[in-house]
């Protein structure tokens, strides 16, 4: 998998050990999972990878989770 060259910044999260990177574009955030090749588009207010999940901020103060298989868990 090649991450498209459309992002302003790509941040590797090595301390988490999850194999995710954070993608930055136009003030929004997404993620990419190395293990499964899952690309979460940069459309969220924030993302925070950990283990096999990414905690995302859908709208201000509304959070959900996406696992490395693409399954969504919203509160």
PDB file of N, CA and C in Angstrom:
ATOM      1  N   UNK A   1       0.847  -1.193   0.000  1.00  0.00           N
ATOM      2  CA  UNK A   1       0.000   0.000   0.000  1.00  0.00           C
ATOM      3  C   UNK A   1       0.875   1.232   0.000  1.00  0.00           C
ATOM      4  N   UNK A   2       0.549   2.157  -0.854  1.00  0.00           N
ATOM      5  CA  UNK A   2       1.232   3.440  -0.908  1.00  0.00           C
ATOM      6  C   UNK A   2       0.250   4.494  -0.427  1.00  0.00           C
ATOM      7  N   UNK A   3       0.671   5.276   0.564  1.00  0.00           N
ATOM      8  CA  UNK A   3      -0.184   6.349   1.066  1.00  0.00           C
ATOM      9  C   UNK A   3      -0.142   7.486   0.054  1.00  0.00           C
ATOM     10  N   UNK A   4      -1.292   7.946  -0.439  1.00  0.00           N
ATOM     11  CA  UNK A   4      -1.308   9.019  -1.439  1.00  0.00           C
ATOM     12  C   UNK A   4      -0.577  10.273  -0.948  1.00  0.00           C
ATOM     13  N   UNK A   5       0.090  10.945  -1.865  1.00  0.00           N
ATOM     14  CA  UNK A   5       0.863  12.139  -1.543  1.00  0.00           C
ATOM     15  C   UNK A   5      -0.047  13.364  -1.553  1.00  0.00           C
ATOM     16  N   UNK A   6      -1.100  13.326  -0.742  1.00  0.00           N
ATOM     17  CA  UNK A   6      -2.052  14.433  -0.676  1.00  0.00           C
ATOM     18  C   UNK A   6      -2.130  15.029   0.721  1.00  0.00           C
ATOM     19  N   UNK A   7      -1.371  14.478   1.647  1.00  0.00           N
ATOM     20  CA  UNK A   7      -1.440  14.910   3.036  1.00  0.00           C
ATOM     21  C   UNK A   7      -0.376  15.948   3.344  1.00  0.00           C
ATOM     22  N   UNK A   8      -0.720  16.900   4.217  1.00  0.00           N
ATOM     23  CA  UNK A   8       0.213  17.954   4.604  1.00  0.00           C
ATOM     24  C   UNK A   8       1.292  17.416   5.535  1.00  0.00           C
ATOM     25  N   UNK A   9       0.920  16.404   6.326  1.00  0.00           N
ATOM     26  CA  UNK A   9       1.857  15.844   7.292  1.00  0.00           C
ATOM     27  C   UNK A   9       1.436  14.415   7.608  1.00  0.00           C
ATOM     28  N   UNK A  10       2.417  13.532   7.775  1.00  0.00           N
ATOM     29  CA  UNK A  10       2.175  12.157   8.183  1.00  0.00           C
ATOM     30  C   UNK A  10       3.032  11.911   9.413  1.00  0.00           C
ATOM     31  N   UNK A  11       2.406  11.541  10.523  1.00  0.00           N
ATOM     32  CA  UNK A  11       3.111  11.344  11.782  1.00  0.00           C
ATOM     33  C   UNK A  11       3.075   9.875  12.174  1.00  0.00           C
ATOM     34  N   UNK A  12       4.245   9.286  12.365  1.00  0.00           N
ATOM     35  CA  UNK A  12       4.333   7.904  12.817  1.00  0.00           C
ATOM     36  C   UNK A  12       4.197   7.893  14.337  1.00  0.00           C
ATOM     37  N   UNK A  13       3.415   6.970  14.855  1.00  0.00           N
ATOM     38  CA  UNK A  13       3.168   6.866  16.286  1.00  0.00           C
ATOM     39  C   UNK A  13       3.933   5.662  16.852  1.00  0.00           C
ATOM     40  N   UNK A  14       5.252   5.760  17.029  1.00  0.00           N
ATOM     41  CA  UNK A  14       6.041   4.593  17.429  1.00  0.00           C
ATOM     42  C   UNK A  14       5.826   4.132  18.862  1.00  0.00           C
ATOM     43  N   UNK A  15       5.458   5.008  19.754  1.00  0.00           N
ATOM     44  CA  UNK A  15       5.325   4.630  21.164  1.00  0.00           C
ATOM     45  C   UNK A  15       4.110   3.761  21.424  1.00  0.00           C
ATOM     46  N   UNK A  16       3.183   3.713  20.504  1.00  0.00           N
ATOM     47  CA  UNK A  16       1.941   2.980  20.698  1.00  0.00           C
ATOM     48  C   UNK A  16       2.111   1.500  20.365  1.00  0.00           C
ATOM     49  N   UNK A  17       2.979   1.210  19.405  1.00  0.00           N
ATOM     50  CA  UNK A  17       3.196  -0.168  19.010  1.00  0.00           C
ATOM     51  C   UNK A  17       2.050  -0.747  18.202  1.00  0.00           C
ATOM     52  N   UNK A  18       1.211   0.104  17.643  1.00  0.00           N
ATOM     53  CA  UNK A  18       0.027  -0.363  16.933  1.00  0.00           C
ATOM     54  C   UNK A  18       0.216  -0.457  15.427  1.00  0.00           C
ATOM     55  N   UNK A  19       1.229   0.186  14.896  1.00  0.00           N
ATOM     56  CA  UNK A  19       1.412   0.179  13.459  1.00  0.00           C
ATOM     57  C   UNK A  19       0.512   1.149  12.733  1.00  0.00           C
ATOM     58  N   UNK A  20       0.126   2.227  13.374  1.00  0.00           N
ATOM     59  CA  UNK A  20      -0.695   3.266  12.768  1.00  0.00           C
ATOM     60  C   UNK A  20       0.136   4.519  12.521  1.00  0.00           C
ATOM     61  N   UNK A  21      -0.250   5.280  11.510  1.00  0.00           N
ATOM     62  CA  UNK A  21       0.275   6.627  11.327  1.00  0.00           C
ATOM     63  C   UNK A  21      -0.916   7.580  11.337  1.00  0.00           C
ATOM     64  N   UNK A  22      -0.654   8.825  11.717  1.00  0.00           N
ATOM     65  CA  UNK A  22      -1.693   9.855  11.712  1.00  0.00           C
ATOM     66  C   UNK A  22      -1.488  10.710  10.468  1.00  0.00           C
ATOM     67  N   UNK A  23      -2.571  10.951   9.740  1.00  0.00           N
ATOM     68  CA  UNK A  23      -2.546  11.728   8.504  1.00  0.00           C
ATOM     69  C   UNK A  23      -3.188  13.088   8.775  1.00  0.00           C
ATOM     70  N   UNK A  24      -2.542  14.153   8.312  1.00  0.00           N
ATOM     71  CA  UNK A  24      -3.024  15.525   8.514  1.00  0.00           C
ATOM     72  C   UNK A  24      -3.339  16.139   7.148  1.00  0.00           C
ATOM     73  N   UNK A  25      -4.519  16.735   7.036  1.00  0.00           N
ATOM     74  CA  UNK A  25      -4.896  17.401   5.776  1.00  0.00           C
ATOM     75  C   UNK A  25      -5.981  18.427   6.052  1.00  0.00           C
ATOM     76  N   UNK A  26      -5.738  19.678   5.695  1.00  0.00           N
ATOM     77  CA  UNK A  26      -6.720  20.755   5.824  1.00  0.00           C
ATOM     78  C   UNK A  26      -7.311  20.866   7.230  1.00  0.00           C
ATOM     79  N   UNK A  27      -6.470  20.712   8.251  1.00  0.00           N
ATOM     80  CA  UNK A  27      -6.929  20.843   9.621  1.00  0.00           C
ATOM     81  C   UNK A  27      -7.719  19.658  10.140  1.00  0.00           C
ATOM     82  N   UNK A  28      -7.789  18.593   9.383  1.00  0.00           N
ATOM     83  CA  UNK A  28      -8.497  17.368   9.793  1.00  0.00           C
ATOM     84  C   UNK A  28      -7.486  16.225   9.879  1.00  0.00           C
ATOM     85  N   UNK A  29      -7.933  15.127  10.494  1.00  0.00           N
ATOM     86  CA  UNK A  29      -7.026  14.026  10.754  1.00  0.00           C
ATOM     87  C   UNK A  29      -7.625  12.696  10.333  1.00  0.00           C
ATOM     88  N   UNK A  30      -6.754  11.796   9.923  1.00  0.00           N
ATOM     89  CA  UNK A  30      -7.123  10.429   9.578  1.00  0.00           C
ATOM     90  C   UNK A  30      -6.006   9.519  10.037  1.00  0.00           C
ATOM     91  N   UNK A  31      -6.020   8.267   9.578  1.00  0.00           N
ATOM     92  CA  UNK A  31      -5.010   7.315  10.017  1.00  0.00           C
ATOM     93  C   UNK A  31      -4.837   6.219   8.980  1.00  0.00           C
ATOM     94  N   UNK A  32      -3.706   5.543   9.049  1.00  0.00           N
ATOM     95  CA  UNK A  32      -3.421   4.392   8.202  1.00  0.00           C
ATOM     96  C   UNK A  32      -2.877   3.287   9.089  1.00  0.00           C
ATOM     97  N   UNK A  33      -3.415   2.060   8.938  1.00  0.00           N
ATOM     98  CA  UNK A  33      -2.964   0.896   9.702  1.00  0.00           C
ATOM     99  C   UNK A  33      -2.047   0.052   8.831  1.00  0.00           C
ATOM    100  N   UNK A  34      -0.787  -0.074   9.224  1.00  0.00           N
ATOM    101  CA  UNK A  34       0.168  -0.877   8.461  1.00  0.00           C
ATOM    102  C   UNK A  34      -0.247  -2.344   8.392  1.00  0.00           C
ATOM    103  N   UNK A  35      -0.756  -2.873   9.497  1.00  0.00           N
ATOM    104  CA  UNK A  35      -1.080  -4.298   9.607  1.00  0.00           C
ATOM    105  C   UNK A  35      -2.105  -4.740   8.566  1.00  0.00           C
ATOM    106  N   UNK A  36      -3.152  -3.948   8.376  1.00  0.00           N
ATOM    107  CA  UNK A  36      -4.251  -4.352   7.496  1.00  0.00           C
ATOM    108  C   UNK A  36      -4.379  -3.507   6.231  1.00  0.00           C
ATOM    109  N   UNK A  37      -3.647  -2.393   6.159  1.00  0.00           N
ATOM    110  CA  UNK A  37      -3.766  -1.518   4.998  1.00  0.00           C
ATOM    111  C   UNK A  37      -4.997  -0.624   5.049  1.00  0.00           C
ATOM    112  N   UNK A  38      -5.636  -0.547   6.209  1.00  0.00           N
ATOM    113  CA  UNK A  38      -6.833   0.277   6.363  1.00  0.00           C
ATOM    114  C   UNK A  38      -6.469   1.756   6.333  1.00  0.00           C
ATOM    115  N   UNK A  39      -7.116   2.493   5.468  1.00  0.00           N
ATOM    116  CA  UNK A  39      -6.921   3.939   5.373  1.00  0.00           C
ATOM    117  C   UNK A  39      -8.177   4.630   5.881  1.00  0.00           C
ATOM    118  N   UNK A  40      -8.050   5.374   6.980  1.00  0.00           N
ATOM    119  CA  UNK A  40      -9.148   6.163   7.533  1.00  0.00           C
ATOM    120  C   UNK A  40      -8.969   7.577   7.000  1.00  0.00           C
ATOM    121  N   UNK A  41      -9.903   8.089   6.210  1.00  0.00           N
ATOM    122  CA  UNK A  41      -9.742   9.398   5.581  1.00  0.00           C
ATOM    123  C   UNK A  41      -9.531  10.527   6.586  1.00  0.00           C
ATOM    124  N   UNK A  42      -8.824  11.549   6.183  1.00  0.00           N
ATOM    125  CA  UNK A  42      -8.556  12.715   7.033  1.00  0.00           C
ATOM    126  C   UNK A  42      -9.784  13.621   7.044  1.00  0.00           C
ATOM    127  N   UNK A  43     -10.797  13.205   7.820  1.00  0.00           N
ATOM    128  CA  UNK A  43     -12.047  13.967   7.892  1.00  0.00           C
ATOM    129  C   UNK A  43     -12.508  14.180   9.331  1.00  0.00           C
ATOM    130  N   UNK A  44     -11.672  13.840  10.296  1.00  0.00           N
ATOM    131  CA  UNK A  44     -12.057  13.923  11.700  1.00  0.00           C
ATOM    132  C   UNK A  44     -11.330  15.056  12.419  1.00  0.00           C
ATOM    133  N   UNK A  45     -11.915  15.508  13.529  1.00  0.00           N
ATOM    134  CA  UNK A  45     -11.323  16.602  14.304  1.00  0.00           C
ATOM    135  C   UNK A  45     -10.038  16.174  14.992  1.00  0.00           C
ATOM    136  N   UNK A  46      -9.946  14.903  15.381  1.00  0.00           N
ATOM    137  CA  UNK A  46      -8.715  14.363  15.958  1.00  0.00           C
ATOM    138  C   UNK A  46      -8.742  12.845  15.840  1.00  0.00           C
ATOM    139  N   UNK A  47      -7.562  12.240  15.861  1.00  0.00           N
ATOM    140  CA  UNK A  47      -7.432  10.786  15.924  1.00  0.00           C
ATOM    141  C   UNK A  47      -6.332  10.466  16.929  1.00  0.00           C
ATOM    142  N   UNK A  48      -6.510   9.354  17.625  1.00  0.00           N
ATOM    143  CA  UNK A  48      -5.522   8.918  18.600  1.00  0.00           C
ATOM    144  C   UNK A  48      -5.396   7.395  18.506  1.00  0.00           C
ATOM    145  N   UNK A  49      -4.377   6.901  17.778  1.00  0.00           N
ATOM    146  CA  UNK A  49      -4.213   5.452  17.655  1.00  0.00           C
ATOM    147  C   UNK A  49      -3.737   4.812  18.954  1.00  0.00           C
ATOM    148  N   UNK A  50      -4.219   3.606  19.200  1.00  0.00           N
ATOM    149  CA  UNK A  50      -3.691   2.782  20.280  1.00  0.00           C
ATOM    150  C   UNK A  50      -4.047   1.329  19.986  1.00  0.00           C
ATOM    151  N   UNK A  51      -3.060   0.465  20.108  1.00  0.00           N
ATOM    152  CA  UNK A  51      -3.185  -0.962  19.851  1.00  0.00           C
ATOM    153  C   UNK A  51      -3.914  -1.220  18.537  1.00  0.00           C
ATOM    154  N   UNK A  52      -5.077  -1.846  18.559  1.00  0.00           N
ATOM    155  CA  UNK A  52      -5.793  -2.178  17.323  1.00  0.00           C
ATOM    156  C   UNK A  52      -6.944  -1.235  17.021  1.00  0.00           C
ATOM    157  N   UNK A  53      -6.976  -0.092  17.696  1.00  0.00           N
ATOM    158  CA  UNK A  53      -8.066   0.867  17.514  1.00  0.00           C
ATOM    159  C   UNK A  53      -7.522   2.265  17.280  1.00  0.00           C
ATOM    160  N   UNK A  54      -8.375   3.109  16.696  1.00  0.00           N
ATOM    161  CA  UNK A  54      -8.095   4.534  16.585  1.00  0.00           C
ATOM    162  C   UNK A  54      -9.280   5.253  17.221  1.00  0.00           C
ATOM    163  N   UNK A  55      -9.017   6.046  18.238  1.00  0.00           N
ATOM    164  CA  UNK A  55     -10.062   6.882  18.847  1.00  0.00           C
ATOM    165  C   UNK A  55     -10.190   8.116  17.974  1.00  0.00           C
ATOM    166  N   UNK A  56     -11.392   8.399  17.522  1.00  0.00           N
ATOM    167  CA  UNK A  56     -11.594   9.550  16.639  1.00  0.00           C
ATOM    168  C   UNK A  56     -12.580  10.518  17.263  1.00  0.00           C
ATOM    169  N   UNK A  57     -12.370  11.788  16.977  1.00  0.00           N
ATOM    170  CA  UNK A  57     -13.308  12.832  17.395  1.00  0.00           C
ATOM    171  C   UNK A  57     -14.135  13.179  16.164  1.00  0.00           C
ATOM    172  N   UNK A  58     -15.374  12.728  16.167  1.00  0.00           N
ATOM    173  CA  UNK A  58     -16.249  12.874  15.005  1.00  0.00           C
ATOM    174  C   UNK A  58     -16.649  14.335  14.822  1.00  0.00           C
ATOM    175  N   UNK A  59     -17.126  14.938  15.882  1.00  0.00           N
ATOM    176  CA  UNK A  59     -17.420  16.363  15.955  1.00  0.00           C
ATOM    177  C   UNK A  59     -16.865  16.810  17.305  1.00  0.00           C
ATOM    178  N   UNK A  60     -16.784  18.100  17.573  1.00  0.00           N
ATOM    179  CA  UNK A  60     -16.216  18.513  18.861  1.00  0.00           C
ATOM    180  C   UNK A  60     -16.883  17.789  20.043  1.00  0.00           C
ATOM    181  N   UNK A  61     -16.054  17.093  20.811  1.00  0.00           N
ATOM    182  CA  UNK A  61     -16.473  16.373  22.015  1.00  0.00           C
ATOM    183  C   UNK A  61     -17.386  15.172  21.769  1.00  0.00           C
ATOM    184  N   UNK A  62     -17.461  14.670  20.541  1.00  0.00           N
ATOM    185  CA  UNK A  62     -18.194  13.443  20.234  1.00  0.00           C
ATOM    186  C   UNK A  62     -17.171  12.452  19.675  1.00  0.00           C
ATOM    187  N   UNK A  63     -16.987  11.332  20.406  1.00  0.00           N
ATOM    188  CA  UNK A  63     -15.926  10.394  20.072  1.00  0.00           C
ATOM    189  C   UNK A  63     -16.475   9.046  19.634  1.00  0.00           C
ATOM    190  N   UNK A  64     -15.652   8.334  18.889  1.00  0.00           N
ATOM    191  CA  UNK A  64     -15.938   6.971  18.475  1.00  0.00           C
ATOM    192  C   UNK A  64     -14.628   6.247  18.277  1.00  0.00           C
ATOM    193  N   UNK A  65     -14.718   4.981  17.834  1.00  0.00           N
ATOM    194  CA  UNK A  65     -13.528   4.168  17.617  1.00  0.00           C
ATOM    195  C   UNK A  65     -13.660   3.437  16.296  1.00  0.00           C
ATOM    196  N   UNK A  66     -12.536   3.236  15.639  1.00  0.00           N
ATOM    197  CA  UNK A  66     -12.471   2.408  14.441  1.00  0.00           C
ATOM    198  C   UNK A  66     -11.354   1.409  14.675  1.00  0.00           C
ATOM    199  N   UNK A  67     -11.640   0.103  14.484  1.00  0.00           N
ATOM    200  CA  UNK A  67     -10.583  -0.883  14.680  1.00  0.00           C
ATOM    201  C   UNK A  67      -9.782  -1.059  13.397  1.00  0.00           C
ATOM    202  N   UNK A  68      -8.725  -1.873  13.453  1.00  0.00           N
ATOM    203  CA  UNK A  68      -7.837  -2.011  12.296  1.00  0.00           C
ATOM    204  C   UNK A  68      -8.460  -2.821  11.162  1.00  0.00           C
ATOM    205  N   UNK A  69      -9.695  -3.298  11.346  1.00  0.00           N
ATOM    206  CA  UNK A  69     -10.449  -3.960  10.296  1.00  0.00           C
ATOM    207  C   UNK A  69     -11.483  -3.034   9.658  1.00  0.00           C
ATOM    208  N   UNK A  70     -11.601  -1.792  10.194  1.00  0.00           N
ATOM    209  CA  UNK A  70     -12.553  -0.828   9.658  1.00  0.00           C
ATOM    210  C   UNK A  70     -13.901  -0.811  10.345  1.00  0.00           C
ATOM    211  N   UNK A  71     -14.084  -1.625  11.395  1.00  0.00           N
ATOM    212  CA  UNK A  71     -15.358  -1.631  12.130  1.00  0.00           C
ATOM    213  C   UNK A  71     -15.450  -0.362  12.981  1.00  0.00           C
ATOM    214  N   UNK A  72     -16.622   0.273  12.932  1.00  0.00           N
ATOM    215  CA  UNK A  72     -16.841   1.542  13.641  1.00  0.00           C
ATOM    216  C   UNK A  72     -17.663   1.325  14.901  1.00  0.00           C
ATOM    217  N   UNK A  73     -17.252   1.982  15.958  1.00  0.00           N
ATOM    218  CA  UNK A  73     -17.952   1.939  17.235  1.00  0.00           C
ATOM    219  C   UNK A  73     -18.202   3.386  17.646  1.00  0.00           C
ATOM    220  N   UNK A  74     -19.442   3.829  17.547  1.00  0.00           N
ATOM    221  CA  UNK A  74     -19.780   5.199  17.919  1.00  0.00           C
ATOM    222  C   UNK A  74     -20.496   5.176  19.256  1.00  0.00           C
ATOM    223  N   UNK A  75     -20.312   6.242  20.031  1.00  0.00           N
ATOM    224  CA  UNK A  75     -21.012   6.386  21.312  1.00  0.00           C
ATOM    225  C   UNK A  75     -22.331   7.060  21.078  1.00  0.00           C
TER     226      UNK A  75
END
